[in-house]
Structure formats: structure tokens, C-alpha cells
PDB file of N, CA and C in Angstrom:
ATOM      1  N   MET A   1     115.442 300.109  47.980  1.00  0.00           N
ATOM      2  CA  MET A   1     114.815 298.807  47.926  1.00  0.00           C
ATOM      3  C   MET A   1     114.417 298.386  49.339  1.00  0.00           C
ATOM      4  N   LYS A   2     113.217 297.877  49.469  1.00  0.00           N
ATOM      5  CA  LYS A   2     112.681 297.460  50.747  1.00  0.00           C
ATOM      6  C   LYS A   2     113.333 296.149  51.207  1.00  0.00           C
ATOM      7  N   SER A   3     113.510 296.017  52.517  1.00  0.00           N
ATOM      8  CA  SER A   3     114.071 294.784  53.043  1.00  0.00           C
ATOM      9  C   SER A   3     113.106 294.161  54.051  1.00  0.00           C
ATOM     10  N   THR A   4     113.343 292.886  54.321  1.00  0.00           N
ATOM     11  CA  THR A   4     112.515 292.136  55.251  1.00  0.00           C
ATOM     12  C   THR A   4     113.403 291.404  56.235  1.00  0.00           C
ATOM     13  N   LEU A   5     113.069 291.497  57.515  1.00  0.00           N
ATOM     14  CA  LEU A   5     113.727 290.669  58.519  1.00  0.00           C
ATOM     15  C   LEU A   5     113.012 289.326  58.535  1.00  0.00           C
ATOM     16  N   VAL A   6     113.787 288.258  58.418  1.00  0.00           N
ATOM     17  CA  VAL A   6     113.207 286.919  58.423  1.00  0.00           C
ATOM     18  C   VAL A   6     113.750 286.156  59.623  1.00  0.00           C
ATOM     19  N   PHE A   7     112.824 285.692  60.442  1.00  0.00           N
ATOM     20  CA  PHE A   7     113.148 284.932  61.639  1.00  0.00           C
ATOM     21  C   PHE A   7     112.904 283.466  61.296  1.00  0.00           C
ATOM     22  N   VAL A   8     113.970 282.662  61.290  1.00  0.00           N
ATOM     23  CA  VAL A   8     113.855 281.266  60.884  1.00  0.00           C
ATOM     24  C   VAL A   8     114.034 280.380  62.110  1.00  0.00           C
ATOM     25  N   TYR A   9     112.952 279.701  62.452  1.00  0.00           N
ATOM     26  CA  TYR A   9     112.960 278.825  63.621  1.00  0.00           C
ATOM     27  C   TYR A   9     113.547 277.464  63.271  1.00  0.00           C
ATOM     28  N   ASN A  10     114.240 276.880  64.211  1.00  0.00           N
ATOM     29  CA  ASN A  10     114.809 275.545  64.047  1.00  0.00           C
ATOM     30  C   ASN A  10     113.734 274.525  64.406  1.00  0.00           C
ATOM     31  N   ALA A  11     112.687 274.529  63.607  1.00  0.00           N
ATOM     32  CA  ALA A  11     111.529 273.666  63.844  1.00  0.00           C
ATOM     33  C   ALA A  11     110.832 273.435  62.518  1.00  0.00           C
ATOM     34  N   ASN A  12     109.941 272.465  62.525  1.00  0.00           N
ATOM     35  CA  ASN A  12     109.162 272.155  61.335  1.00  0.00           C
ATOM     36  C   ASN A  12     107.705 272.518  61.560  1.00  0.00           C
ATOM     37  N   SER A  13     106.984 272.727  60.483  1.00  0.00           N
ATOM     38  CA  SER A  13     105.638 273.273  60.574  1.00  0.00           C
ATOM     39  C   SER A  13     104.524 272.240  60.697  1.00  0.00           C
ATOM     40  N   ASP A  14     104.830 270.964  60.557  1.00  0.00           N
ATOM     41  CA  ASP A  14     103.754 269.974  60.643  1.00  0.00           C
ATOM     42  C   ASP A  14     103.278 269.830  62.094  1.00  0.00           C
ATOM     43  N   HIS A  15     102.058 269.369  62.253  1.00  0.00           N
ATOM     44  CA  HIS A  15     101.444 269.304  63.584  1.00  0.00           C
ATOM     45  C   HIS A  15     102.197 268.383  64.542  1.00  0.00           C
ATOM     46  N   ALA A  16     102.676 267.244  64.059  1.00  0.00           N
ATOM     47  CA  ALA A  16     103.406 266.314  64.926  1.00  0.00           C
ATOM     48  C   ALA A  16     104.677 266.982  65.463  1.00  0.00           C
ATOM     49  N   SER A  17     105.395 267.677  64.605  1.00  0.00           N
ATOM     50  CA  SER A  17     106.619 268.363  65.034  1.00  0.00           C
ATOM     51  C   SER A  17     106.308 269.449  66.058  1.00  0.00           C
ATOM     52  N   LYS A  18     105.210 270.174  65.844  1.00  0.00           N
ATOM     53  CA  LYS A  18     104.825 271.225  66.788  1.00  0.00           C
ATOM     54  C   LYS A  18     104.513 270.637  68.164  1.00  0.00           C
ATOM     55  N   LEU A  19     103.827 269.508  68.195  1.00  0.00           N
ATOM     56  CA  LEU A  19     103.514 268.862  69.479  1.00  0.00           C
ATOM     57  C   LEU A  19     104.779 268.368  70.179  1.00  0.00           C
ATOM     58  N   ILE A  20     105.664 267.761  69.426  1.00  0.00           N
ATOM     59  CA  ILE A  20     106.921 267.274  69.994  1.00  0.00           C
ATOM     60  C   ILE A  20     107.750 268.442  70.506  1.00  0.00           C
ATOM     61  N   ASP A  21     107.826 269.526  69.733  1.00  0.00           N
ATOM     62  CA  ASP A  21     108.572 270.712  70.163  1.00  0.00           C
ATOM     63  C   ASP A  21     108.002 271.278  71.456  1.00  0.00           C
ATOM     64  N   TYR A  22     106.671 271.364  71.536  1.00  0.00           N
ATOM     65  CA  TYR A  22     106.034 271.902  72.744  1.00  0.00           C
ATOM     66  C   TYR A  22     106.392 271.042  73.958  1.00  0.00           C
ATOM     67  N   ALA A  23     106.265 269.736  73.807  1.00  0.00           N
ATOM     68  CA  ALA A  23     106.588 268.836  74.913  1.00  0.00           C
ATOM     69  C   ALA A  23     108.058 268.972  75.303  1.00  0.00           C
ATOM     70  N   HIS A  24     108.915 269.077  74.325  1.00  0.00           N
ATOM     71  CA  HIS A  24     110.352 269.219  74.588  1.00  0.00           C
ATOM     72  C   HIS A  24     110.639 270.509  75.370  1.00  0.00           C
ATOM     73  N   LYS A  25     110.007 271.605  74.954  1.00  0.00           N
ATOM     74  CA  LYS A  25     110.212 272.891  75.647  1.00  0.00           C
ATOM     75  C   LYS A  25     109.765 272.819  77.099  1.00  0.00           C
ATOM     76  N   VAL A  26     108.672 272.095  77.347  1.00  0.00           N
ATOM     77  CA  VAL A  26     108.132 271.999  78.704  1.00  0.00           C
ATOM     78  C   VAL A  26     108.948 271.041  79.563  1.00  0.00           C
ATOM     79  N   LEU A  27     109.266 269.863  79.016  1.00  0.00           N
ATOM     80  CA  LEU A  27     109.903 268.815  79.811  1.00  0.00           C
ATOM     81  C   LEU A  27     111.418 268.951  79.920  1.00  0.00           C
ATOM     82  N   ARG A  28     112.069 269.412  78.876  1.00  0.00           N
ATOM     83  CA  ARG A  28     113.536 269.534  78.882  1.00  0.00           C
ATOM     84  C   ARG A  28     113.969 270.815  78.181  1.00  0.00           C
ATOM     85  N   PRO A  29     113.602 271.966  78.727  1.00  0.00           N
ATOM     86  CA  PRO A  29     113.877 273.228  78.027  1.00  0.00           C
ATOM     87  C   PRO A  29     115.362 273.485  77.779  1.00  0.00           C
ATOM     88  N   SER A  30     116.231 272.990  78.635  1.00  0.00           N
ATOM     89  CA  SER A  30     117.662 273.256  78.455  1.00  0.00           C
ATOM     90  C   SER A  30     118.240 272.539  77.244  1.00  0.00           C
ATOM     91  N   THR A  31     117.532 271.539  76.727  1.00  0.00           N
ATOM     92  CA  THR A  31     118.028 270.804  75.567  1.00  0.00           C
ATOM     93  C   THR A  31     117.246 271.124  74.300  1.00  0.00           C
ATOM     94  N   TYR A  32     116.336 272.087  74.378  1.00  0.00           N
ATOM     95  CA  TYR A  32     115.530 272.445  73.215  1.00  0.00           C
ATOM     96  C   TYR A  32     116.409 273.093  72.153  1.00  0.00           C
ATOM     97  N   ALA A  33     116.229 272.710  70.891  1.00  0.00           N
ATOM     98  CA  ALA A  33     117.151 273.095  69.814  1.00  0.00           C
ATOM     99  C   ALA A  33     116.855 274.432  69.150  1.00  0.00           C
ATOM    100  N   CYS A  34     115.805 275.133  69.559  1.00  0.00           N
ATOM    101  CA  CYS A  34     115.504 276.401  68.907  1.00  0.00           C
ATOM    102  C   CYS A  34     115.599 277.547  69.906  1.00  0.00           C
ATOM    103  N   GLU A  35     116.752 278.172  69.942  1.00  0.00           N
ATOM    104  CA  GLU A  35     116.980 279.277  70.859  1.00  0.00           C
ATOM    105  C   GLU A  35     116.066 280.460  70.554  1.00  0.00           C
ATOM    106  N   LEU A  36     115.750 280.667  69.287  1.00  0.00           N
ATOM    107  CA  LEU A  36     114.880 281.779  68.902  1.00  0.00           C
ATOM    108  C   LEU A  36     113.477 281.578  69.469  1.00  0.00           C
ATOM    109  N   CYS A  37     112.953 280.390  69.340  1.00  0.00           N
ATOM    110  CA  CYS A  37     111.624 280.093  69.877  1.00  0.00           C
ATOM    111  C   CYS A  37     111.625 280.237  71.401  1.00  0.00           C
ATOM    112  N   ALA A  38     112.669 279.766  72.034  1.00  0.00           N
ATOM    113  CA  ALA A  38     112.755 279.864  73.497  1.00  0.00           C
ATOM    114  C   ALA A  38     112.776 281.323  73.956  1.00  0.00           C
ATOM    115  N   LEU A  39     113.361 282.207  73.156  1.00  0.00           N
ATOM    116  CA  LEU A  39     113.410 283.623  73.509  1.00  0.00           C
ATOM    117  C   LEU A  39     112.085 284.328  73.260  1.00  0.00           C
ATOM    118  N   THR A  40     111.421 284.008  72.168  1.00  0.00           N
ATOM    119  CA  THR A  40     110.236 284.764  71.747  1.00  0.00           C
ATOM    120  C   THR A  40     108.912 284.178  72.244  1.00  0.00           C
ATOM    121  N   HIS A  41     108.934 282.933  72.689  1.00  0.00           N
ATOM    122  CA  HIS A  41     107.716 282.253  73.116  1.00  0.00           C
ATOM    123  C   HIS A  41     107.882 281.631  74.500  1.00  0.00           C
ATOM    124  N   ASN A  42     106.766 281.499  75.197  1.00  0.00           N
ATOM    125  CA  ASN A  42     106.748 280.713  76.421  1.00  0.00           C
ATOM    126  C   ASN A  42     105.795 279.543  76.188  1.00  0.00           C
ATOM    127  N   HIS A  43     105.398 278.855  77.241  1.00  0.00           N
ATOM    128  CA  HIS A  43     104.534 277.675  77.086  1.00  0.00           C
ATOM    129  C   HIS A  43     103.160 278.017  76.522  1.00  0.00           C
ATOM    130  N   PHE A  44     102.761 279.275  76.599  1.00  0.00           N
ATOM    131  CA  PHE A  44     101.406 279.665  76.221  1.00  0.00           C
ATOM    132  C   PHE A  44     101.345 280.465  74.919  1.00  0.00           C
ATOM    133  N   GLY A  45     102.467 280.672  74.266  1.00  0.00           N
ATOM    134  CA  GLY A  45     102.495 281.424  73.020  1.00  0.00           C
ATOM    135  C   GLY A  45     103.559 282.501  73.051  1.00  0.00           C
ATOM    136  N   GLU A  46     103.361 283.527  72.234  1.00  0.00           N
ATOM    137  CA  GLU A  46     104.341 284.611  72.149  1.00  0.00           C
ATOM    138  C   GLU A  46     104.424 285.387  73.455  1.00  0.00           C
ATOM    139  N   ARG A  47     105.642 285.749  73.802  1.00  0.00           N
ATOM    140  CA  ARG A  47     105.841 286.594  74.978  1.00  0.00           C
ATOM    141  C   ARG A  47     105.275 287.988  74.685  1.00  0.00           C
ATOM    142  N   THR A  48     104.716 288.620  75.702  1.00  0.00           N
ATOM    143  CA  THR A  48     104.088 289.929  75.550  1.00  0.00           C
ATOM    144  C   THR A  48     105.077 290.960  75.008  1.00  0.00           C
ATOM    145  N   ALA A  49     106.288 290.978  75.528  1.00  0.00           N
ATOM    146  CA  ALA A  49     107.292 291.944  75.068  1.00  0.00           C
ATOM    147  C   ALA A  49     107.594 291.741  73.581  1.00  0.00           C
ATOM    148  N   TRP A  50     107.605 290.514  73.136  1.00  0.00           N
ATOM    149  CA  TRP A  50     107.876 290.207  71.730  1.00  0.00           C
ATOM    150  C   TRP A  50     106.728 290.694  70.846  1.00  0.00           C
ATOM    151  N   LYS A  51     105.494 290.452  71.278  1.00  0.00           N
ATOM    152  CA  LYS A  51     104.327 290.929  70.525  1.00  0.00           C
ATOM    153  C   LYS A  51     104.367 292.445  70.381  1.00  0.00           C
ATOM    154  N   LYS A  52     104.680 293.136  71.472  1.00  0.00           N
ATOM    155  CA  LYS A  52     104.724 294.601  71.449  1.00  0.00           C
ATOM    156  C   LYS A  52     105.837 295.092  70.526  1.00  0.00           C
ATOM    157  N   PHE A  53     106.980 294.440  70.551  1.00  0.00           N
ATOM    158  CA  PHE A  53     108.088 294.804  69.671  1.00  0.00           C
ATOM    159  C   PHE A  53     107.656 294.680  68.206  1.00  0.00           C
ATOM    160  N   LYS A  54     107.024 293.588  67.860  1.00  0.00           N
ATOM    161  CA  LYS A  54     106.584 293.373  66.483  1.00  0.00           C
ATOM    162  C   LYS A  54     105.564 294.431  66.063  1.00  0.00           C
ATOM    163  N   GLN A  55     104.677 294.806  66.970  1.00  0.00           N
ATOM    164  CA  GLN A  55     103.648 295.795  66.643  1.00  0.00           C
ATOM    165  C   GLN A  55     104.227 297.187  66.434  1.00  0.00           C
ATOM    166  N   ARG A  56     105.219 297.553  67.223  1.00  0.00           N
ATOM    167  CA  ARG A  56     105.744 298.920  67.144  1.00  0.00           C
ATOM    168  C   ARG A  56     106.864 299.083  66.118  1.00  0.00           C
ATOM    169  N   THR A  57     107.399 297.991  65.642  1.00  0.00           N
ATOM    170  CA  THR A  57     108.499 298.046  64.683  1.00  0.00           C
ATOM    171  C   THR A  57     107.944 298.271  63.284  1.00  0.00           C
ATOM    172  N   ASN A  58     108.381 299.341  62.684  1.00  0.00           N
ATOM    173  CA  ASN A  58     107.923 299.680  61.343  1.00  0.00           C
ATOM    174  C   ASN A  58     108.840 299.025  60.312  1.00  0.00           C
ATOM    175  N   ARG A  59     108.845 297.718  60.314  1.00  0.00           N
ATOM    176  CA  ARG A  59     109.719 296.964  59.419  1.00  0.00           C
ATOM    177  C   ARG A  59     109.003 295.698  58.993  1.00  0.00           C
ATOM    178  N   ASP A  60     109.152 295.337  57.735  1.00  0.00           N
ATOM    179  CA  ASP A  60     108.570 294.080  57.274  1.00  0.00           C
ATOM    180  C   ASP A  60     109.281 292.921  57.956  1.00  0.00           C
ATOM    181  N   MET A  61     108.495 291.995  58.470  1.00  0.00           N
ATOM    182  CA  MET A  61     109.041 290.808  59.134  1.00  0.00           C
ATOM    183  C   MET A  61     108.321 289.586  58.613  1.00  0.00           C
ATOM    184  N   ASP A  62     109.063 288.505  58.529  1.00  0.00           N
ATOM    185  CA  ASP A  62     108.493 287.229  58.142  1.00  0.00           C
ATOM    186  C   ASP A  62     109.034 286.186  59.107  1.00  0.00           C
ATOM    187  N   PHE A  63     108.217 285.185  59.405  1.00  0.00           N
ATOM    188  CA  PHE A  63     108.585 284.145  60.352  1.00  0.00           C
ATOM    189  C   PHE A  63     108.418 282.817  59.646  1.00  0.00           C
ATOM    190  N   MET A  64     109.510 282.038  59.613  1.00  0.00           N
ATOM    191  CA  MET A  64     109.513 280.812  58.823  1.00  0.00           C
ATOM    192  C   MET A  64     110.067 279.641  59.626  1.00  0.00           C
ATOM    193  N   TYR A  65     109.651 278.456  59.227  1.00  0.00           N
ATOM    194  CA  TYR A  65     110.248 277.226  59.732  1.00  0.00           C
ATOM    195  C   TYR A  65     111.400 276.860  58.800  1.00  0.00           C
ATOM    196  N   LEU A  66     112.341 276.075  59.303  1.00  0.00           N
ATOM    197  CA  LEU A  66     113.582 275.831  58.556  1.00  0.00           C
ATOM    198  C   LEU A  66     113.358 275.218  57.183  1.00  0.00           C
ATOM    199  N   ARG A  67     112.497 274.230  57.052  1.00  0.00           N
ATOM    200  CA  ARG A  67     112.300 273.613  55.723  1.00  0.00           C
ATOM    201  C   ARG A  67     111.663 274.586  54.740  1.00  0.00           C
ATOM    202  N   ASP A  68     110.764 275.430  55.236  1.00  0.00           N
ATOM    203  CA  ASP A  68     110.149 276.432  54.369  1.00  0.00           C
ATOM    204  C   ASP A  68     111.193 277.428  53.872  1.00  0.00           C
ATOM    205  N   PHE A  69     112.086 277.852  54.764  1.00  0.00           N
ATOM    206  CA  PHE A  69     113.155 278.777  54.389  1.00  0.00           C
ATOM    207  C   PHE A  69     114.076 278.130  53.359  1.00  0.00           C
ATOM    208  N   GLU A  70     114.512 276.897  53.642  1.00  0.00           N
ATOM    209  CA  GLU A  70     115.433 276.216  52.734  1.00  0.00           C
ATOM    210  C   GLU A  70     114.832 276.034  51.341  1.00  0.00           C
ATOM    211  N   SER A  71     113.556 275.682  51.278  1.00  0.00           N
ATOM    212  CA  SER A  71     112.957 275.474  49.963  1.00  0.00           C
ATOM    213  C   SER A  71     112.675 276.798  49.244  1.00  0.00           C
ATOM    214  N   THR A  72     112.350 277.839  49.983  1.00  0.00           N
ATOM    215  CA  THR A  72     112.082 279.145  49.371  1.00  0.00           C
ATOM    216  C   THR A  72     113.356 279.785  48.835  1.00  0.00           C
ATOM    217  N   PHE A  73     114.420 279.731  49.612  1.00  0.00           N
ATOM    218  CA  PHE A  73     115.651 280.439  49.239  1.00  0.00           C
ATOM    219  C   PHE A  73     116.760 279.522  48.741  1.00  0.00           C
ATOM    220  N   ASN A  74     116.515 278.209  48.742  1.00  0.00           N
ATOM    221  CA  ASN A  74     117.518 277.234  48.323  1.00  0.00           C
ATOM    222  C   ASN A  74     118.846 277.495  49.026  1.00  0.00           C
ATOM    223  N   LEU A  75     118.757 277.640  50.336  1.00  0.00           N
ATOM    224  CA  LEU A  75     119.911 278.008  51.144  1.00  0.00           C
ATOM    225  C   LEU A  75     119.840 277.290  52.478  1.00  0.00           C
ATOM    226  N   ARG A  76     120.964 276.728  52.890  1.00  0.00           N
ATOM    227  CA  ARG A  76     121.039 276.065  54.193  1.00  0.00           C
ATOM    228  C   ARG A  76     121.936 276.888  55.106  1.00  0.00           C
ATOM    229  N   LEU A  77     121.425 277.151  56.287  1.00  0.00           N
ATOM    230  CA  LEU A  77     122.170 277.886  57.310  1.00  0.00           C
ATOM    231  C   LEU A  77     122.089 277.100  58.607  1.00  0.00           C
ATOM    232  N   ASP A  78     122.797 277.543  59.631  1.00  0.00           N
ATOM    233  CA  ASP A  78     122.622 276.984  60.970  1.00  0.00           C
ATOM    234  C   ASP A  78     121.399 277.643  61.569  1.00  0.00           C
ATOM    235  N   PHE A  79     120.415 276.844  61.909  1.00  0.00           N
ATOM    236  CA  PHE A  79     119.158 277.361  62.441  1.00  0.00           C
ATOM    237  C   PHE A  79     119.097 277.161  63.942  1.00  0.00           C
ATOM    238  N   PRO A  80     118.430 278.059  64.618  1.00  0.00           N
ATOM    239  CA  PRO A  80     117.680 279.216  64.164  1.00  0.00           C
ATOM    240  C   PRO A  80     118.613 280.345  63.756  1.00  0.00           C
ATOM    241  N   VAL A  81     118.052 281.290  63.014  1.00  0.00           N
ATOM    242  CA  VAL A  81     118.827 282.431  62.535  1.00  0.00           C
ATOM    243  C   VAL A  81     117.859 283.566  62.205  1.00  0.00           C
ATOM    244  N   ILE A  82     118.362 284.771  62.284  1.00  0.00           N
ATOM    245  CA  ILE A  82     117.609 285.942  61.842  1.00  0.00           C
ATOM    246  C   ILE A  82     118.401 286.554  60.704  1.00  0.00           C
ATOM    247  N   VAL A  83     117.737 286.745  59.566  1.00  0.00           N
ATOM    248  CA  VAL A  83     118.407 287.309  58.400  1.00  0.00           C
ATOM    249  C   VAL A  83     117.626 288.511  57.905  1.00  0.00           C
ATOM    250  N   GLU A  84     118.316 289.336  57.134  1.00  0.00           N
ATOM    251  CA  GLU A  84     117.661 290.435  56.436  1.00  0.00           C
ATOM    252  C   GLU A  84     117.772 290.131  54.955  1.00  0.00           C
ATOM    253  N   ILE A  85     116.648 290.224  54.268  1.00  0.00           N
ATOM    254  CA  ILE A  85     116.613 289.964  52.838  1.00  0.00           C
ATOM    255  C   ILE A  85     116.265 291.259  52.120  1.00  0.00           C
ATOM    256  N   LYS A  86     117.148 291.626  51.207  1.00  0.00           N
ATOM    257  CA  LYS A  86     116.955 292.828  50.405  1.00  0.00           C
ATOM    258  C   LYS A  86     117.258 292.445  48.966  1.00  0.00           C
ATOM    259  N   GLY A  87     116.194 292.329  48.176  1.00  0.00           N
ATOM    260  CA  GLY A  87     116.379 291.849  46.807  1.00  0.00           C
ATOM    261  C   GLY A  87     116.859 290.415  46.831  1.00  0.00           C
ATOM    262  N   LYS A  88     118.017 290.174  46.242  1.00  0.00           N
ATOM    263  CA  LYS A  88     118.591 288.827  46.229  1.00  0.00           C
ATOM    264  C   LYS A  88     119.669 288.656  47.292  1.00  0.00           C
ATOM    265  N   GLU A  89     119.919 289.715  48.052  1.00  0.00           N
ATOM    266  CA  GLU A  89     120.942 289.658  49.103  1.00  0.00           C
ATOM    267  C   GLU A  89     120.341 289.162  50.411  1.00  0.00           C
ATOM    268  N   ILE A  90     121.083 288.272  51.077  1.00  0.00           N
ATOM    269  CA  ILE A  90     120.676 287.764  52.378  1.00  0.00           C
ATOM    270  C   ILE A  90     121.827 288.000  53.347  1.00  0.00           C
ATOM    271  N   GLU A  91     121.544 288.762  54.388  1.00  0.00           N
ATOM    272  CA  GLU A  91     122.557 289.075  55.405  1.00  0.00           C
ATOM    273  C   GLU A  91     122.129 288.471  56.741  1.00  0.00           C
ATOM    274  N   VAL A  92     123.037 287.755  57.386  1.00  0.00           N
ATOM    275  CA  VAL A  92     122.747 287.215  58.709  1.00  0.00           C
ATOM    276  C   VAL A  92     122.788 288.361  59.712  1.00  0.00           C
ATOM    277  N   VAL A  93     121.690 288.541  60.429  1.00  0.00           N
ATOM    278  CA  VAL A  93     121.578 289.597  61.437  1.00  0.00           C
ATOM    279  C   VAL A  93     121.980 289.054  62.803  1.00  0.00           C
ATOM    280  N   VAL A  94     121.428 287.890  63.152  1.00  0.00           N
ATOM    281  CA  VAL A  94     121.782 287.223  64.408  1.00  0.00           C
ATOM    282  C   VAL A  94     121.911 285.733  64.099  1.00  0.00           C
ATOM    283  N   SER A  95     123.107 285.206  64.301  1.00  0.00           N
ATOM    284  CA  SER A  95     123.385 283.800  63.992  1.00  0.00           C
ATOM    285  C   SER A  95     122.924 282.883  65.127  1.00  0.00           C
ATOM    286  N   LYS A  96     122.945 281.602  64.861  1.00  0.00           N
ATOM    287  CA  LYS A  96     122.616 280.595  65.873  1.00  0.00           C
ATOM    288  C   LYS A  96     123.541 280.732  67.082  1.00  0.00           C
ATOM    289  N   THR A  97     124.809 280.908  66.829  1.00  0.00           N
ATOM    290  CA  THR A  97     125.783 281.058  67.912  1.00  0.00           C
ATOM    291  C   THR A  97     125.461 282.282  68.765  1.00  0.00           C
ATOM    292  N   GLU A  98     125.107 283.379  68.113  1.00  0.00           N
ATOM    293  CA  GLU A  98     124.759 284.602  68.843  1.00  0.00           C
ATOM    294  C   GLU A  98     123.453 284.434  69.610  1.00  0.00           C
ATOM    295  N   LEU A  99     122.482 283.739  69.017  1.00  0.00           N
ATOM    296  CA  LEU A  99     121.212 283.506  69.710  1.00  0.00           C
ATOM    297  C   LEU A  99     121.420 282.704  70.991  1.00  0.00           C
ATOM    298  N   LYS A 100     122.375 281.774  70.973  1.00  0.00           N
ATOM    299  CA  LYS A 100     122.671 280.973  72.165  1.00  0.00           C
ATOM    300  C   LYS A 100     123.167 281.839  73.322  1.00  0.00           C
ATOM    301  N   GLN A 101     123.798 282.963  72.996  1.00  0.00           N
ATOM    302  CA  GLN A 101     124.368 283.836  74.021  1.00  0.00           C
ATOM    303  C   GLN A 101     123.371 284.858  74.560  1.00  0.00           C
ATOM    304  N   ILE A 102     122.257 285.045  73.885  1.00  0.00           N
ATOM    305  CA  ILE A 102     121.235 285.996  74.313  1.00  0.00           C
ATOM    306  C   ILE A 102     120.371 285.313  75.366  1.00  0.00           C
ATOM    307  N   ILE A 103     120.215 285.974  76.519  1.00  0.00           N
ATOM    308  CA  ILE A 103     119.557 285.293  77.640  1.00  0.00           C
ATOM    309  C   ILE A 103     118.101 285.699  77.872  1.00  0.00           C
ATOM    310  N   SER A 104     117.631 286.731  77.173  1.00  0.00           N
ATOM    311  CA  SER A 104     116.243 287.160  77.401  1.00  0.00           C
ATOM    312  C   SER A 104     115.668 287.788  76.142  1.00  0.00           C
ATOM    313  N   VAL A 105     114.339 287.823  76.088  1.00  0.00           N
ATOM    314  CA  VAL A 105     113.676 288.471  74.956  1.00  0.00           C
ATOM    315  C   VAL A 105     114.020 289.958  74.942  1.00  0.00           C
ATOM    316  N   LYS A 106     114.186 290.548  76.107  1.00  0.00           N
ATOM    317  CA  LYS A 106     114.558 291.964  76.187  1.00  0.00           C
ATOM    318  C   LYS A 106     115.906 292.202  75.502  1.00  0.00           C
ATOM    319  N   GLU A 107     116.848 291.337  75.750  1.00  0.00           N
ATOM    320  CA  GLU A 107     118.170 291.470  75.126  1.00  0.00           C
ATOM    321  C   GLU A 107     118.083 291.288  73.612  1.00  0.00           C
ATOM    322  N   LEU A 108     117.263 290.344  73.162  1.00  0.00           N
ATOM    323  CA  LEU A 108     117.070 290.144  71.721  1.00  0.00           C
ATOM    324  C   LEU A 108     116.465 291.388  71.089  1.00  0.00           C
ATOM    325  N   ILE A 109     115.451 291.942  71.724  1.00  0.00           N
ATOM    326  CA  ILE A 109     114.794 293.144  71.203  1.00  0.00           C
ATOM    327  C   ILE A 109     115.775 294.307  71.132  1.00  0.00           C
ATOM    328  N   GLU A 110     116.576 294.507  72.161  1.00  0.00           N
ATOM    329  CA  GLU A 110     117.570 295.587  72.155  1.00  0.00           C
ATOM    330  C   GLU A 110     118.559 295.404  71.015  1.00  0.00           C
ATOM    331  N   ARG A 111     118.976 294.186  70.812  1.00  0.00           N
ATOM    332  CA  ARG A 111     119.926 293.914  69.726  1.00  0.00           C
ATOM    333  C   ARG A 111     119.301 294.232  68.365  1.00  0.00           C
ATOM    334  N   LEU A 112     118.061 293.827  68.174  1.00  0.00           N
ATOM    335  CA  LEU A 112     117.379 294.102  66.908  1.00  0.00           C
ATOM    336  C   LEU A 112     117.116 295.590  66.727  1.00  0.00           C
ATOM    337  N   GLU A 113     116.734 296.293  67.791  1.00  0.00           N
ATOM    338  CA  GLU A 113     116.513 297.734  67.694  1.00  0.00           C
ATOM    339  C   GLU A 113     117.810 298.455  67.339  1.00  0.00           C
ATOM    340  N   ASN A 114     118.922 298.043  67.910  1.00  0.00           N
ATOM    341  CA  ASN A 114     120.224 298.630  67.560  1.00  0.00           C
ATOM    342  C   ASN A 114     120.570 298.360  66.096  1.00  0.00           C
ATOM    343  N   TYR A 115     120.317 297.160  65.645  1.00  0.00           N
ATOM    344  CA  TYR A 115     120.587 296.815  64.259  1.00  0.00           C
ATOM    345  C   TYR A 115     119.745 297.688  63.321  1.00  0.00           C
ATOM    346  N   LEU A 116     118.471 297.786  63.621  1.00  0.00           N
ATOM    347  CA  LEU A 116     117.559 298.579  62.784  1.00  0.00           C
ATOM    348  C   LEU A 116     117.921 300.056  62.800  1.00  0.00           C
ATOM    349  N   ALA A 117     118.336 300.573  63.947  1.00  0.00           N
ATOM    350  CA  ALA A 117     118.733 301.976  64.039  1.00  0.00           C
ATOM    351  C   ALA A 117     119.969 302.243  63.189  1.00  0.00           C
ATOM    352  N   ASP A 118     120.904 301.284  63.167  1.00  0.00           N
ATOM    353  CA  ASP A 118     122.112 301.446  62.342  1.00  0.00           C
ATOM    354  C   ASP A 118     121.815 301.388  60.851  1.00  0.00           C
ATOM    355  N   LYS A 119     120.694 300.774  60.474  1.00  0.00           N
ATOM    356  CA  LYS A 119     120.329 300.636  59.061  1.00  0.00           C
ATOM    357  C   LYS A 119     119.574 301.843  58.517  1.00  0.00           C
ATOM    358  N   LYS A 120     119.192 302.775  59.368  1.00  0.00           N
ATOM    359  CA  LYS A 120     118.429 303.942  58.908  1.00  0.00           C
ATOM    360  C   LYS A 120     119.295 304.908  58.137  1.00  0.00           C
TER     361      LYS A 120
END
């Protein structure tokens, strides 16, 4: 059975929320509530290393905002979070607590590559 890695951002998808999040990241990055976004994006969009990782990874990936995830899966977690979905099973791959401890996109990518290698 095929699985999908789902990256759930601690953010909302409406335009007002996106503008507020952007301003928050720029003006007070140390207090920004989405560690996943801070790792994968900079002020101008996706980090180059993150884009390359997504392109070379032969794995289904989905990227969701928290309300979209909650309504799709009827599940509340601590966001941000990375999960793997296989059928009806949902496994936490990297929790919010773990994301807080990751200091760079390179470290996140290494962690995900190790996880994916163990799943082969």
C-alpha cells in the first residue's frame, strides 16, 4: 500500500493569516509559531535545499495547513507536524517538539532521508 508524507503547517490558508504570518516571521522570527515553515521557507519562499529535496525524493508528499488537516482527517495534533499516512493509519514522523530541536533545513532533510531509508 502506498503512503504519503504529510507536512502540516501551524498556519491557516486564508490571505489575512498568510500576511500576518509573513510579517511575524520577518519582525519577530524567534516567536513565530510554525517551526516547520521556519525551516523550509525564508522571507522569499521555499529554501533552495528544500525544493531540491522535494524534487529528488521519490515519495508522495502533501502540504497542508492545520485547519485543512483537521477537517480532512478529523484529527487534532500539536502543529506543526510531519506524518505518514498509509491507508487509515497515521504515524507521526516528526513531532512539534522534535521540530523545535531541529536547527536547519539540512538537518530536517537528513532526518527525513533517514526515516525514508528505514522504510524501504
